[in-house]
Amino acid sequence: MKITFLNLFILSLASFRLTRLFVYDKITEFIRAPFFDELKEENEDGEMEVYYLPKKSGVRRFFGELLSCYWCTGIWTAAIIVGLFYLFPGFSTPVILILAVAGIGAMLELIVQHFLGI
């Protein structure tokens, strides 16, 4: 299996973006919802804070624990990205490229927010 540095870079960016999509992004909240219990608490300023705790037992707990861990989810998304890249290159290449470009966009946005103090 020969892989170029460019392929590794693109696959890494795609895995980064897919991981963030599953773990953090609002658009995939419906995927995470069945695996978490929502705990609401009022903070000292009187504002409500929401915490998501993995379900207590079974398969839902396993996936809740997985989705609450960026590193754990990252291993699985990397396996999916690399597997698709090698098994279905014609189908997966555009998807991987889109995820990689979105990953770069996310990083650039973080840099801009940092320098603007947002």
Protein backbone atom coordinates (compact mmCIF):
# COMPACT_ATOMS: atom_id res chain seq x y z
CA MET A 1 0.00 0.00 0.00
CA LYS A 2 1.74 3.13 -1.22
CA ILE A 3 0.41 6.45 -0.07
CA THR A 4 1.76 9.85 -0.96
CA PHE A 5 2.18 12.70 1.50
CA LEU A 6 -0.57 14.61 -0.34
CA ASN A 7 -2.98 11.66 0.04
CA LEU A 8 -2.12 11.40 3.72
CA PHE A 9 -2.71 15.13 4.18
CA ILE A 10 -6.08 15.03 2.39
CA LEU A 11 -7.21 11.91 4.26
CA SER A 12 -6.15 13.52 7.55
CA LEU A 13 -8.11 16.69 6.86
CA ALA A 14 -11.16 14.65 5.84
CA SER A 15 -10.93 12.58 9.01
CA PHE A 16 -10.55 15.75 11.10
CA ARG A 17 -13.66 17.29 9.57
CA LEU A 18 -15.77 14.12 9.78
CA THR A 19 -14.80 13.70 13.44
CA ARG A 20 -15.81 17.26 14.28
CA LEU A 21 -19.04 16.74 12.36
CA PHE A 22 -19.98 13.74 14.52
CA VAL A 23 -18.71 15.02 17.87
CA TYR A 24 -19.47 18.76 17.87
CA ASP A 25 -21.57 20.10 15.01
CA LYS A 26 -25.20 21.07 15.56
CA ILE A 27 -26.28 19.56 12.25
CA THR A 28 -25.54 16.03 13.53
CA GLU A 29 -27.09 16.53 16.95
CA PHE A 30 -29.93 14.18 15.95
CA ILE A 31 -27.36 11.38 15.51
CA ARG A 32 -25.91 11.95 19.00
CA ALA A 33 -29.23 12.53 20.80
CA PRO A 34 -30.25 8.86 21.32
CA PHE A 35 -26.96 8.14 23.09
CA PHE A 36 -27.01 10.96 25.66
CA ASP A 37 -29.06 12.14 28.60
CA GLU A 38 -29.44 15.89 28.90
CA LEU A 39 -28.70 17.48 32.27
CA LYS A 40 -29.68 21.13 32.78
CA GLU A 41 -28.22 23.17 35.63
CA GLU A 42 -28.43 26.81 36.52
CA ASN A 43 -25.01 28.43 36.93
CA GLU A 44 -24.13 31.14 39.46
CA ASP A 45 -25.10 33.86 36.95
CA GLY A 46 -28.63 32.43 36.68
CA GLU A 47 -28.06 31.06 33.17
CA MET A 48 -29.05 27.53 32.24
CA GLU A 49 -26.19 25.25 31.19
CA VAL A 50 -26.80 21.98 29.39
CA TYR A 51 -24.55 18.96 29.88
CA TYR A 52 -24.72 15.79 27.83
CA LEU A 53 -23.97 12.56 29.65
CA PRO A 54 -23.72 9.17 27.92
CA LYS A 55 -26.63 6.81 28.61
CA LYS A 56 -26.22 4.56 31.64
CA SER A 57 -25.91 1.11 30.04
CA GLY A 58 -25.88 -1.04 26.93
CA VAL A 59 -25.07 -0.17 23.36
CA ARG A 60 -26.29 3.39 23.81
CA ARG A 61 -23.73 3.92 26.55
CA PHE A 62 -20.97 2.56 24.31
CA PHE A 63 -21.86 4.95 21.49
CA GLY A 64 -22.41 7.81 23.94
CA GLU A 65 -18.93 7.28 25.36
CA LEU A 66 -17.52 7.03 21.83
CA LEU A 67 -19.23 10.22 20.63
CA SER A 68 -18.18 12.16 23.71
CA CYS A 69 -14.51 11.41 23.02
CA TYR A 70 -12.96 13.30 20.11
CA TRP A 71 -9.95 10.96 20.02
CA CYS A 72 -12.05 7.79 20.09
CA THR A 73 -14.36 8.97 17.34
CA GLY A 74 -11.32 10.14 15.35
CA ILE A 75 -9.92 6.62 15.18
CA TRP A 76 -13.16 5.30 13.75
CA THR A 77 -13.66 8.14 11.28
CA ALA A 78 -10.05 7.68 10.10
CA ALA A 79 -10.74 3.98 9.57
CA ILE A 80 -13.89 4.80 7.61
CA ILE A 81 -12.15 7.43 5.47
CA VAL A 82 -9.14 5.23 4.67
CA GLY A 83 -11.34 2.17 4.10
CA LEU A 84 -13.58 4.04 1.67
CA PHE A 85 -10.54 5.52 -0.06
CA TYR A 86 -9.11 2.07 -0.78
CA LEU A 87 -12.32 0.08 -1.31
CA PHE A 88 -14.36 2.60 -3.31
CA PRO A 89 -11.97 5.23 -4.70
CA GLY A 90 -14.33 6.43 -7.44
CA PHE A 91 -17.15 7.12 -5.01
CA SER A 92 -15.15 8.27 -2.00
CA THR A 93 -12.63 10.63 -3.57
CA PRO A 94 -15.09 13.53 -4.10
CA VAL A 95 -16.56 13.05 -0.61
CA ILE A 96 -13.10 12.93 0.97
CA LEU A 97 -12.02 16.00 -0.96
CA ILE A 98 -15.12 17.93 0.16
CA LEU A 99 -14.47 16.97 3.78
CA ALA A 100 -10.80 17.98 3.44
CA VAL A 101 -11.65 21.38 1.97
CA ALA A 102 -14.23 21.90 4.74
CA GLY A 103 -11.54 20.94 7.26
CA ILE A 104 -9.22 23.60 5.92
CA GLY A 105 -12.10 26.08 6.01
CA ALA A 106 -12.79 25.24 9.65
CA MET A 107 -9.14 25.74 10.57
CA LEU A 108 -8.98 29.06 8.74
CA GLU A 109 -12.12 30.23 10.53
CA LEU A 110 -10.58 29.37 13.91
CA ILE A 111 -7.45 31.33 13.00
CA VAL A 112 -9.48 34.35 11.88
CA GLN A 113 -11.60 34.22 15.07
CA HIS A 114 -8.44 34.02 17.17
CA PHE A 115 -6.89 37.09 15.57
CA LEU A 116 -10.13 39.06 15.69
CA GLY A 117 -10.63 38.12 19.34
CA ILE A 118 -14.04 36.58 18.76
